[in-house]
Amino acid sequence: MLYPNKFIVISAVIGFLLMCLVYNLWQDKRAAEQKINDLSTKLLQLENNAIKQNQIIAENENAKRELENTSLEQQEKINELLKDNDCADQPVPVSISNSLYNRAESLRQSTDTSKSAK
């Protein structure tokens, strides 16, 4: 008679342990699914941010090209207007030439987005 009682008790303990194991696995599955959802949301946000930043970069590059084209057009107009001007044919002192060159170079560097992006 003692054996059937032991069998029932052992079966009950094993059943209880199995239920605990199944419950823990179910909880782990729920936690993993929640983590996946959270990470998917963050990934989507990062993708959207990257798309916006790429659009901004493209717009900046287009604006830069437009400015360069405008600058070239203006330079061509200036050259055309000054081609028959005697004063424009006179040499410019080196100190003034260097100063103008350095100023133009600093302006180009301050608008160069490719260096600051790296």
N, C-alpha and C. Protein backbone atom coordinates (compact mmCIF):
# COMPACT_ATOMS: atom_id res chain seq x y z
N MET A 1 0.80 -1.19 0.00
CA MET A 1 0.00 0.00 0.00
C MET A 1 0.85 1.26 0.00
N LEU A 2 2.01 1.16 0.54
CA LEU A 2 2.90 2.30 0.63
C LEU A 2 3.39 2.73 -0.76
N TYR A 3 3.55 1.75 -1.62
CA TYR A 3 4.04 2.07 -2.96
C TYR A 3 3.09 2.91 -3.78
N PRO A 4 1.81 2.65 -3.79
CA PRO A 4 0.91 3.50 -4.57
C PRO A 4 0.92 4.93 -4.07
N ASN A 5 1.04 5.14 -2.76
CA ASN A 5 1.08 6.50 -2.23
C ASN A 5 2.36 7.23 -2.68
N LYS A 6 3.47 6.55 -2.68
CA LYS A 6 4.73 7.15 -3.14
C LYS A 6 4.61 7.51 -4.61
N PHE A 7 4.02 6.62 -5.37
CA PHE A 7 3.86 6.87 -6.80
C PHE A 7 3.00 8.10 -7.04
N ILE A 8 1.92 8.26 -6.27
CA ILE A 8 1.04 9.41 -6.40
C ILE A 8 1.77 10.69 -6.02
N VAL A 9 2.52 10.63 -4.92
CA VAL A 9 3.26 11.81 -4.46
C VAL A 9 4.33 12.18 -5.48
N ILE A 10 5.07 11.22 -5.97
CA ILE A 10 6.13 11.49 -6.95
C ILE A 10 5.51 12.03 -8.24
N SER A 11 4.41 11.43 -8.65
CA SER A 11 3.73 11.90 -9.85
C SER A 11 3.25 13.34 -9.67
N ALA A 12 2.72 13.65 -8.50
CA ALA A 12 2.24 15.00 -8.23
C ALA A 12 3.40 16.00 -8.24
N VAL A 13 4.52 15.63 -7.64
CA VAL A 13 5.70 16.51 -7.60
C VAL A 13 6.22 16.73 -9.02
N ILE A 14 6.34 15.65 -9.80
CA ILE A 14 6.81 15.77 -11.18
C ILE A 14 5.84 16.63 -11.99
N GLY A 15 4.53 16.41 -11.79
CA GLY A 15 3.53 17.22 -12.48
C GLY A 15 3.65 18.68 -12.12
N PHE A 16 3.84 18.96 -10.83
CA PHE A 16 3.99 20.35 -10.37
C PHE A 16 5.25 20.99 -10.98
N LEU A 17 6.36 20.25 -10.99
CA LEU A 17 7.61 20.77 -11.56
C LEU A 17 7.46 21.03 -13.06
N LEU A 18 6.74 20.12 -13.75
CA LEU A 18 6.51 20.33 -15.17
C LEU A 18 5.65 21.58 -15.42
N MET A 19 4.64 21.76 -14.57
CA MET A 19 3.80 22.96 -14.71
C MET A 19 4.62 24.22 -14.47
N CYS A 20 5.50 24.18 -13.47
CA CYS A 20 6.37 25.34 -13.21
C CYS A 20 7.29 25.60 -14.41
N LEU A 21 7.84 24.53 -14.97
CA LEU A 21 8.72 24.68 -16.12
C LEU A 21 7.97 25.26 -17.31
N VAL A 22 6.79 24.76 -17.60
CA VAL A 22 5.98 25.27 -18.71
C VAL A 22 5.62 26.73 -18.48
N TYR A 23 5.25 27.08 -17.25
CA TYR A 23 4.91 28.47 -16.94
C TYR A 23 6.12 29.38 -17.15
N ASN A 24 7.29 28.96 -16.69
CA ASN A 24 8.50 29.76 -16.87
C ASN A 24 8.85 29.92 -18.35
N LEU A 25 8.70 28.87 -19.11
CA LEU A 25 8.95 28.95 -20.55
C LEU A 25 7.97 29.91 -21.22
N TRP A 26 6.72 29.86 -20.80
CA TRP A 26 5.71 30.77 -21.35
C TRP A 26 6.05 32.22 -21.02
N GLN A 27 6.48 32.46 -19.78
CA GLN A 27 6.88 33.82 -19.37
C GLN A 27 8.09 34.29 -20.17
N ASP A 28 9.06 33.39 -20.38
CA ASP A 28 10.25 33.76 -21.16
C ASP A 28 9.86 34.09 -22.60
N LYS A 29 8.93 33.32 -23.16
CA LYS A 29 8.47 33.56 -24.52
C LYS A 29 7.80 34.93 -24.62
N ARG A 30 6.96 35.26 -23.66
CA ARG A 30 6.29 36.57 -23.66
C ARG A 30 7.32 37.69 -23.56
N ALA A 31 8.31 37.52 -22.67
CA ALA A 31 9.34 38.55 -22.51
C ALA A 31 10.15 38.71 -23.80
N ALA A 32 10.47 37.60 -24.45
CA ALA A 32 11.23 37.66 -25.70
C ALA A 32 10.42 38.35 -26.80
N GLU A 33 9.13 38.04 -26.88
CA GLU A 33 8.28 38.69 -27.88
C GLU A 33 8.18 40.20 -27.64
N GLN A 34 8.08 40.59 -26.37
CA GLN A 34 8.03 42.01 -26.03
C GLN A 34 9.34 42.70 -26.41
N LYS A 35 10.45 42.02 -26.13
CA LYS A 35 11.76 42.58 -26.48
C LYS A 35 11.89 42.73 -28.00
N ILE A 36 11.40 41.75 -28.74
CA ILE A 36 11.43 41.81 -30.21
C ILE A 36 10.61 43.00 -30.69
N ASN A 37 9.43 43.19 -30.11
CA ASN A 37 8.58 44.32 -30.50
C ASN A 37 9.26 45.65 -30.20
N ASP A 38 9.88 45.75 -29.02
CA ASP A 38 10.59 46.99 -28.65
C ASP A 38 11.74 47.27 -29.61
N LEU A 39 12.52 46.23 -29.91
CA LEU A 39 13.66 46.42 -30.80
C LEU A 39 13.20 46.73 -32.23
N SER A 40 12.11 46.13 -32.65
CA SER A 40 11.57 46.43 -33.99
C SER A 40 11.14 47.88 -34.08
N THR A 41 10.51 48.38 -33.03
CA THR A 41 10.09 49.78 -33.00
C THR A 41 11.31 50.71 -33.05
N LYS A 42 12.33 50.40 -32.28
CA LYS A 42 13.54 51.22 -32.29
C LYS A 42 14.23 51.17 -33.65
N LEU A 43 14.25 50.00 -34.27
CA LEU A 43 14.86 49.87 -35.58
C LEU A 43 14.11 50.70 -36.61
N LEU A 44 12.80 50.67 -36.55
CA LEU A 44 11.99 51.47 -37.47
C LEU A 44 12.26 52.96 -37.27
N GLN A 45 12.38 53.38 -36.02
CA GLN A 45 12.69 54.79 -35.74
C GLN A 45 14.06 55.16 -36.31
N LEU A 46 15.04 54.27 -36.14
CA LEU A 46 16.38 54.54 -36.67
C LEU A 46 16.36 54.62 -38.20
N GLU A 47 15.60 53.73 -38.83
CA GLU A 47 15.49 53.77 -40.28
C GLU A 47 14.86 55.08 -40.75
N ASN A 48 13.80 55.51 -40.06
CA ASN A 48 13.15 56.78 -40.42
C ASN A 48 14.10 57.95 -40.23
N ASN A 49 14.87 57.93 -39.14
CA ASN A 49 15.84 59.00 -38.91
C ASN A 49 16.91 59.01 -40.01
N ALA A 50 17.37 57.83 -40.40
CA ALA A 50 18.38 57.75 -41.45
C ALA A 50 17.83 58.29 -42.77
N ILE A 51 16.57 57.96 -43.07
CA ILE A 51 15.95 58.46 -44.31
C ILE A 51 15.88 59.99 -44.28
N LYS A 52 15.45 60.55 -43.14
CA LYS A 52 15.36 62.01 -43.03
C LYS A 52 16.73 62.65 -43.17
N GLN A 53 17.73 62.07 -42.52
CA GLN A 53 19.08 62.64 -42.59
C GLN A 53 19.64 62.54 -44.00
N ASN A 54 19.36 61.45 -44.69
CA ASN A 54 19.82 61.32 -46.08
C ASN A 54 19.14 62.35 -46.98
N GLN A 55 17.86 62.63 -46.72
CA GLN A 55 17.16 63.66 -47.49
C GLN A 55 17.78 65.03 -47.24
N ILE A 56 18.11 65.31 -45.99
CA ILE A 56 18.73 66.60 -45.65
C ILE A 56 20.09 66.72 -46.34
N ILE A 57 20.86 65.65 -46.33
CA ILE A 57 22.17 65.66 -46.98
C ILE A 57 22.01 65.90 -48.48
N ALA A 58 21.04 65.21 -49.09
CA ALA A 58 20.81 65.39 -50.53
C ALA A 58 20.39 66.83 -50.84
N GLU A 59 19.51 67.39 -50.00
CA GLU A 59 19.08 68.77 -50.21
C GLU A 59 20.26 69.73 -50.06
N ASN A 60 21.10 69.49 -49.07
CA ASN A 60 22.28 70.34 -48.87
C ASN A 60 23.24 70.24 -50.07
N GLU A 61 23.42 69.03 -50.58
CA GLU A 61 24.30 68.87 -51.75
C GLU A 61 23.72 69.60 -52.96
N ASN A 62 22.40 69.51 -53.14
CA ASN A 62 21.77 70.23 -54.26
C ASN A 62 21.92 71.74 -54.10
N ALA A 63 21.72 72.23 -52.87
CA ALA A 63 21.87 73.66 -52.62
C ALA A 63 23.32 74.09 -52.87
N LYS A 64 24.25 73.24 -52.47
CA LYS A 64 25.67 73.55 -52.69
C LYS A 64 25.98 73.63 -54.18
N ARG A 65 25.46 72.67 -54.96
CA ARG A 65 25.67 72.70 -56.41
C ARG A 65 25.06 73.95 -57.03
N GLU A 66 23.87 74.32 -56.57
CA GLU A 66 23.23 75.53 -57.09
C GLU A 66 24.06 76.76 -56.78
N LEU A 67 24.59 76.83 -55.57
CA LEU A 67 25.46 77.97 -55.21
C LEU A 67 26.72 77.99 -56.06
N GLU A 68 27.29 76.82 -56.29
CA GLU A 68 28.49 76.76 -57.12
C GLU A 68 28.18 77.21 -58.55
N ASN A 69 27.04 76.77 -59.07
CA ASN A 69 26.65 77.18 -60.44
C ASN A 69 26.41 78.68 -60.50
N THR A 70 25.74 79.21 -59.49
CA THR A 70 25.49 80.65 -59.44
C THR A 70 26.80 81.42 -59.36
N SER A 71 27.70 80.91 -58.55
CA SER A 71 29.00 81.56 -58.41
C SER A 71 29.76 81.55 -59.73
N LEU A 72 29.72 80.42 -60.42
CA LEU A 72 30.40 80.35 -61.72
C LEU A 72 29.77 81.31 -62.73
N GLU A 73 28.45 81.39 -62.74
CA GLU A 73 27.77 82.32 -63.65
C GLU A 73 28.15 83.76 -63.35
N GLN A 74 28.19 84.07 -62.04
CA GLN A 74 28.56 85.44 -61.65
C GLN A 74 30.01 85.73 -62.03
N GLN A 75 30.88 84.75 -61.85
CA GLN A 75 32.29 84.95 -62.22
C GLN A 75 32.42 85.17 -63.72
N GLU A 76 31.65 84.43 -64.50
CA GLU A 76 31.68 84.62 -65.95
C GLU A 76 31.18 86.01 -66.33
N LYS A 77 30.13 86.48 -65.67
CA LYS A 77 29.60 87.82 -65.94
C LYS A 77 30.64 88.89 -65.59
N ILE A 78 31.28 88.70 -64.43
CA ILE A 78 32.32 89.66 -64.01
C ILE A 78 33.46 89.68 -65.03
N ASN A 79 33.89 88.50 -65.44
CA ASN A 79 34.98 88.42 -66.43
C ASN A 79 34.58 89.10 -67.74
N GLU A 80 33.34 88.90 -68.15
CA GLU A 80 32.85 89.52 -69.39
C GLU A 80 32.83 91.05 -69.25
N LEU A 81 32.37 91.53 -68.11
CA LEU A 81 32.29 92.98 -67.90
C LEU A 81 33.66 93.63 -67.80
N LEU A 82 34.63 92.89 -67.28
CA LEU A 82 35.96 93.46 -67.06
C LEU A 82 36.95 93.17 -68.19
N LYS A 83 36.55 92.48 -69.23
CA LYS A 83 37.52 92.07 -70.24
C LYS A 83 38.15 93.25 -70.98
N ASP A 84 37.44 94.35 -71.16
CA ASP A 84 38.00 95.51 -71.85
C ASP A 84 38.34 96.64 -70.89
N ASN A 85 38.41 96.37 -69.62
CA ASN A 85 38.68 97.39 -68.62
C ASN A 85 40.19 97.44 -68.35
N ASP A 86 40.80 98.60 -68.57
CA ASP A 86 42.24 98.75 -68.36
C ASP A 86 42.64 98.54 -66.91
N CYS A 87 41.81 99.01 -66.01
CA CYS A 87 42.11 98.87 -64.58
C CYS A 87 42.14 97.39 -64.17
N ALA A 88 41.25 96.61 -64.78
CA ALA A 88 41.19 95.18 -64.44
C ALA A 88 42.42 94.44 -64.94
N ASP A 89 43.15 95.01 -65.91
CA ASP A 89 44.35 94.35 -66.44
C ASP A 89 45.60 94.65 -65.62
N GLN A 90 45.49 95.57 -64.65
CA GLN A 90 46.65 95.93 -63.85
C GLN A 90 46.94 94.83 -62.81
N PRO A 91 48.21 94.57 -62.55
CA PRO A 91 48.55 93.54 -61.55
C PRO A 91 48.11 93.96 -60.14
N VAL A 92 47.72 92.99 -59.36
CA VAL A 92 47.31 93.23 -57.97
C VAL A 92 48.50 92.91 -57.07
N PRO A 93 48.77 93.77 -56.08
CA PRO A 93 49.89 93.50 -55.16
C PRO A 93 49.72 92.12 -54.49
N VAL A 94 50.85 91.48 -54.26
CA VAL A 94 50.85 90.11 -53.71
C VAL A 94 50.13 90.05 -52.37
N SER A 95 50.35 91.03 -51.51
CA SER A 95 49.71 90.99 -50.18
C SER A 95 48.19 91.01 -50.30
N ILE A 96 47.67 91.81 -51.22
CA ILE A 96 46.21 91.87 -51.43
C ILE A 96 45.73 90.58 -52.08
N SER A 97 46.47 90.09 -53.04
CA SER A 97 46.11 88.85 -53.71
C SER A 97 46.05 87.69 -52.72
N ASN A 98 47.07 87.60 -51.86
CA ASN A 98 47.11 86.53 -50.85
C ASN A 98 45.95 86.66 -49.87
N SER A 99 45.66 87.89 -49.46
CA SER A 99 44.56 88.12 -48.53
C SER A 99 43.23 87.69 -49.14
N LEU A 100 43.01 88.05 -50.39
CA LEU A 100 41.77 87.66 -51.08
C LEU A 100 41.69 86.14 -51.24
N TYR A 101 42.81 85.53 -51.58
CA TYR A 101 42.83 84.08 -51.75
C TYR A 101 42.52 83.38 -50.42
N ASN A 102 43.15 83.84 -49.34
CA ASN A 102 42.92 83.23 -48.03
C ASN A 102 41.47 83.39 -47.58
N ARG A 103 40.91 84.55 -47.85
CA ARG A 103 39.51 84.80 -47.49
C ARG A 103 38.58 83.85 -48.26
N ALA A 104 38.81 83.73 -49.55
CA ALA A 104 37.99 82.83 -50.37
C ALA A 104 38.15 81.39 -49.90
N GLU A 105 39.35 81.00 -49.57
CA GLU A 105 39.60 79.63 -49.10
C GLU A 105 38.89 79.37 -47.78
N SER A 106 38.90 80.32 -46.86
CA SER A 106 38.21 80.14 -45.58
C SER A 106 36.70 80.06 -45.78
N LEU A 107 36.17 80.81 -46.74
CA LEU A 107 34.74 80.73 -47.03
C LEU A 107 34.37 79.37 -47.60
N ARG A 108 35.23 78.85 -48.48
CA ARG A 108 34.96 77.53 -49.05
C ARG A 108 35.01 76.46 -47.97
N GLN A 109 35.94 76.55 -47.06
CA GLN A 109 36.07 75.56 -45.99
C GLN A 109 34.89 75.61 -45.03
N SER A 110 34.38 76.80 -44.75
CA SER A 110 33.27 76.91 -43.81
C SER A 110 31.97 76.37 -44.38
N THR A 111 31.87 76.25 -45.71
CA THR A 111 30.67 75.69 -46.33
C THR A 111 30.88 74.28 -46.85
N ASP A 112 32.05 73.71 -46.62
CA ASP A 112 32.34 72.35 -47.09
C ASP A 112 31.74 71.33 -46.13
N THR A 113 30.61 70.73 -46.50
CA THR A 113 29.94 69.77 -45.63
C THR A 113 30.59 68.40 -45.66
N SER A 114 31.37 68.10 -46.67
CA SER A 114 31.96 66.76 -46.76
C SER A 114 33.02 66.54 -45.69
N LYS A 115 33.72 67.60 -45.27
CA LYS A 115 34.75 67.45 -44.23
C LYS A 115 34.12 67.30 -42.85
N SER A 116 33.07 68.05 -42.56
CA SER A 116 32.48 67.99 -41.23
C SER A 116 31.67 66.72 -41.04
N ALA A 117 31.19 66.09 -42.12
CA ALA A 117 30.39 64.87 -42.02
C ALA A 117 31.27 63.68 -41.69
N LYS A 118 32.55 63.75 -41.97
CA LYS A 118 33.46 62.63 -41.70
C LYS A 118 33.94 62.73 -40.31
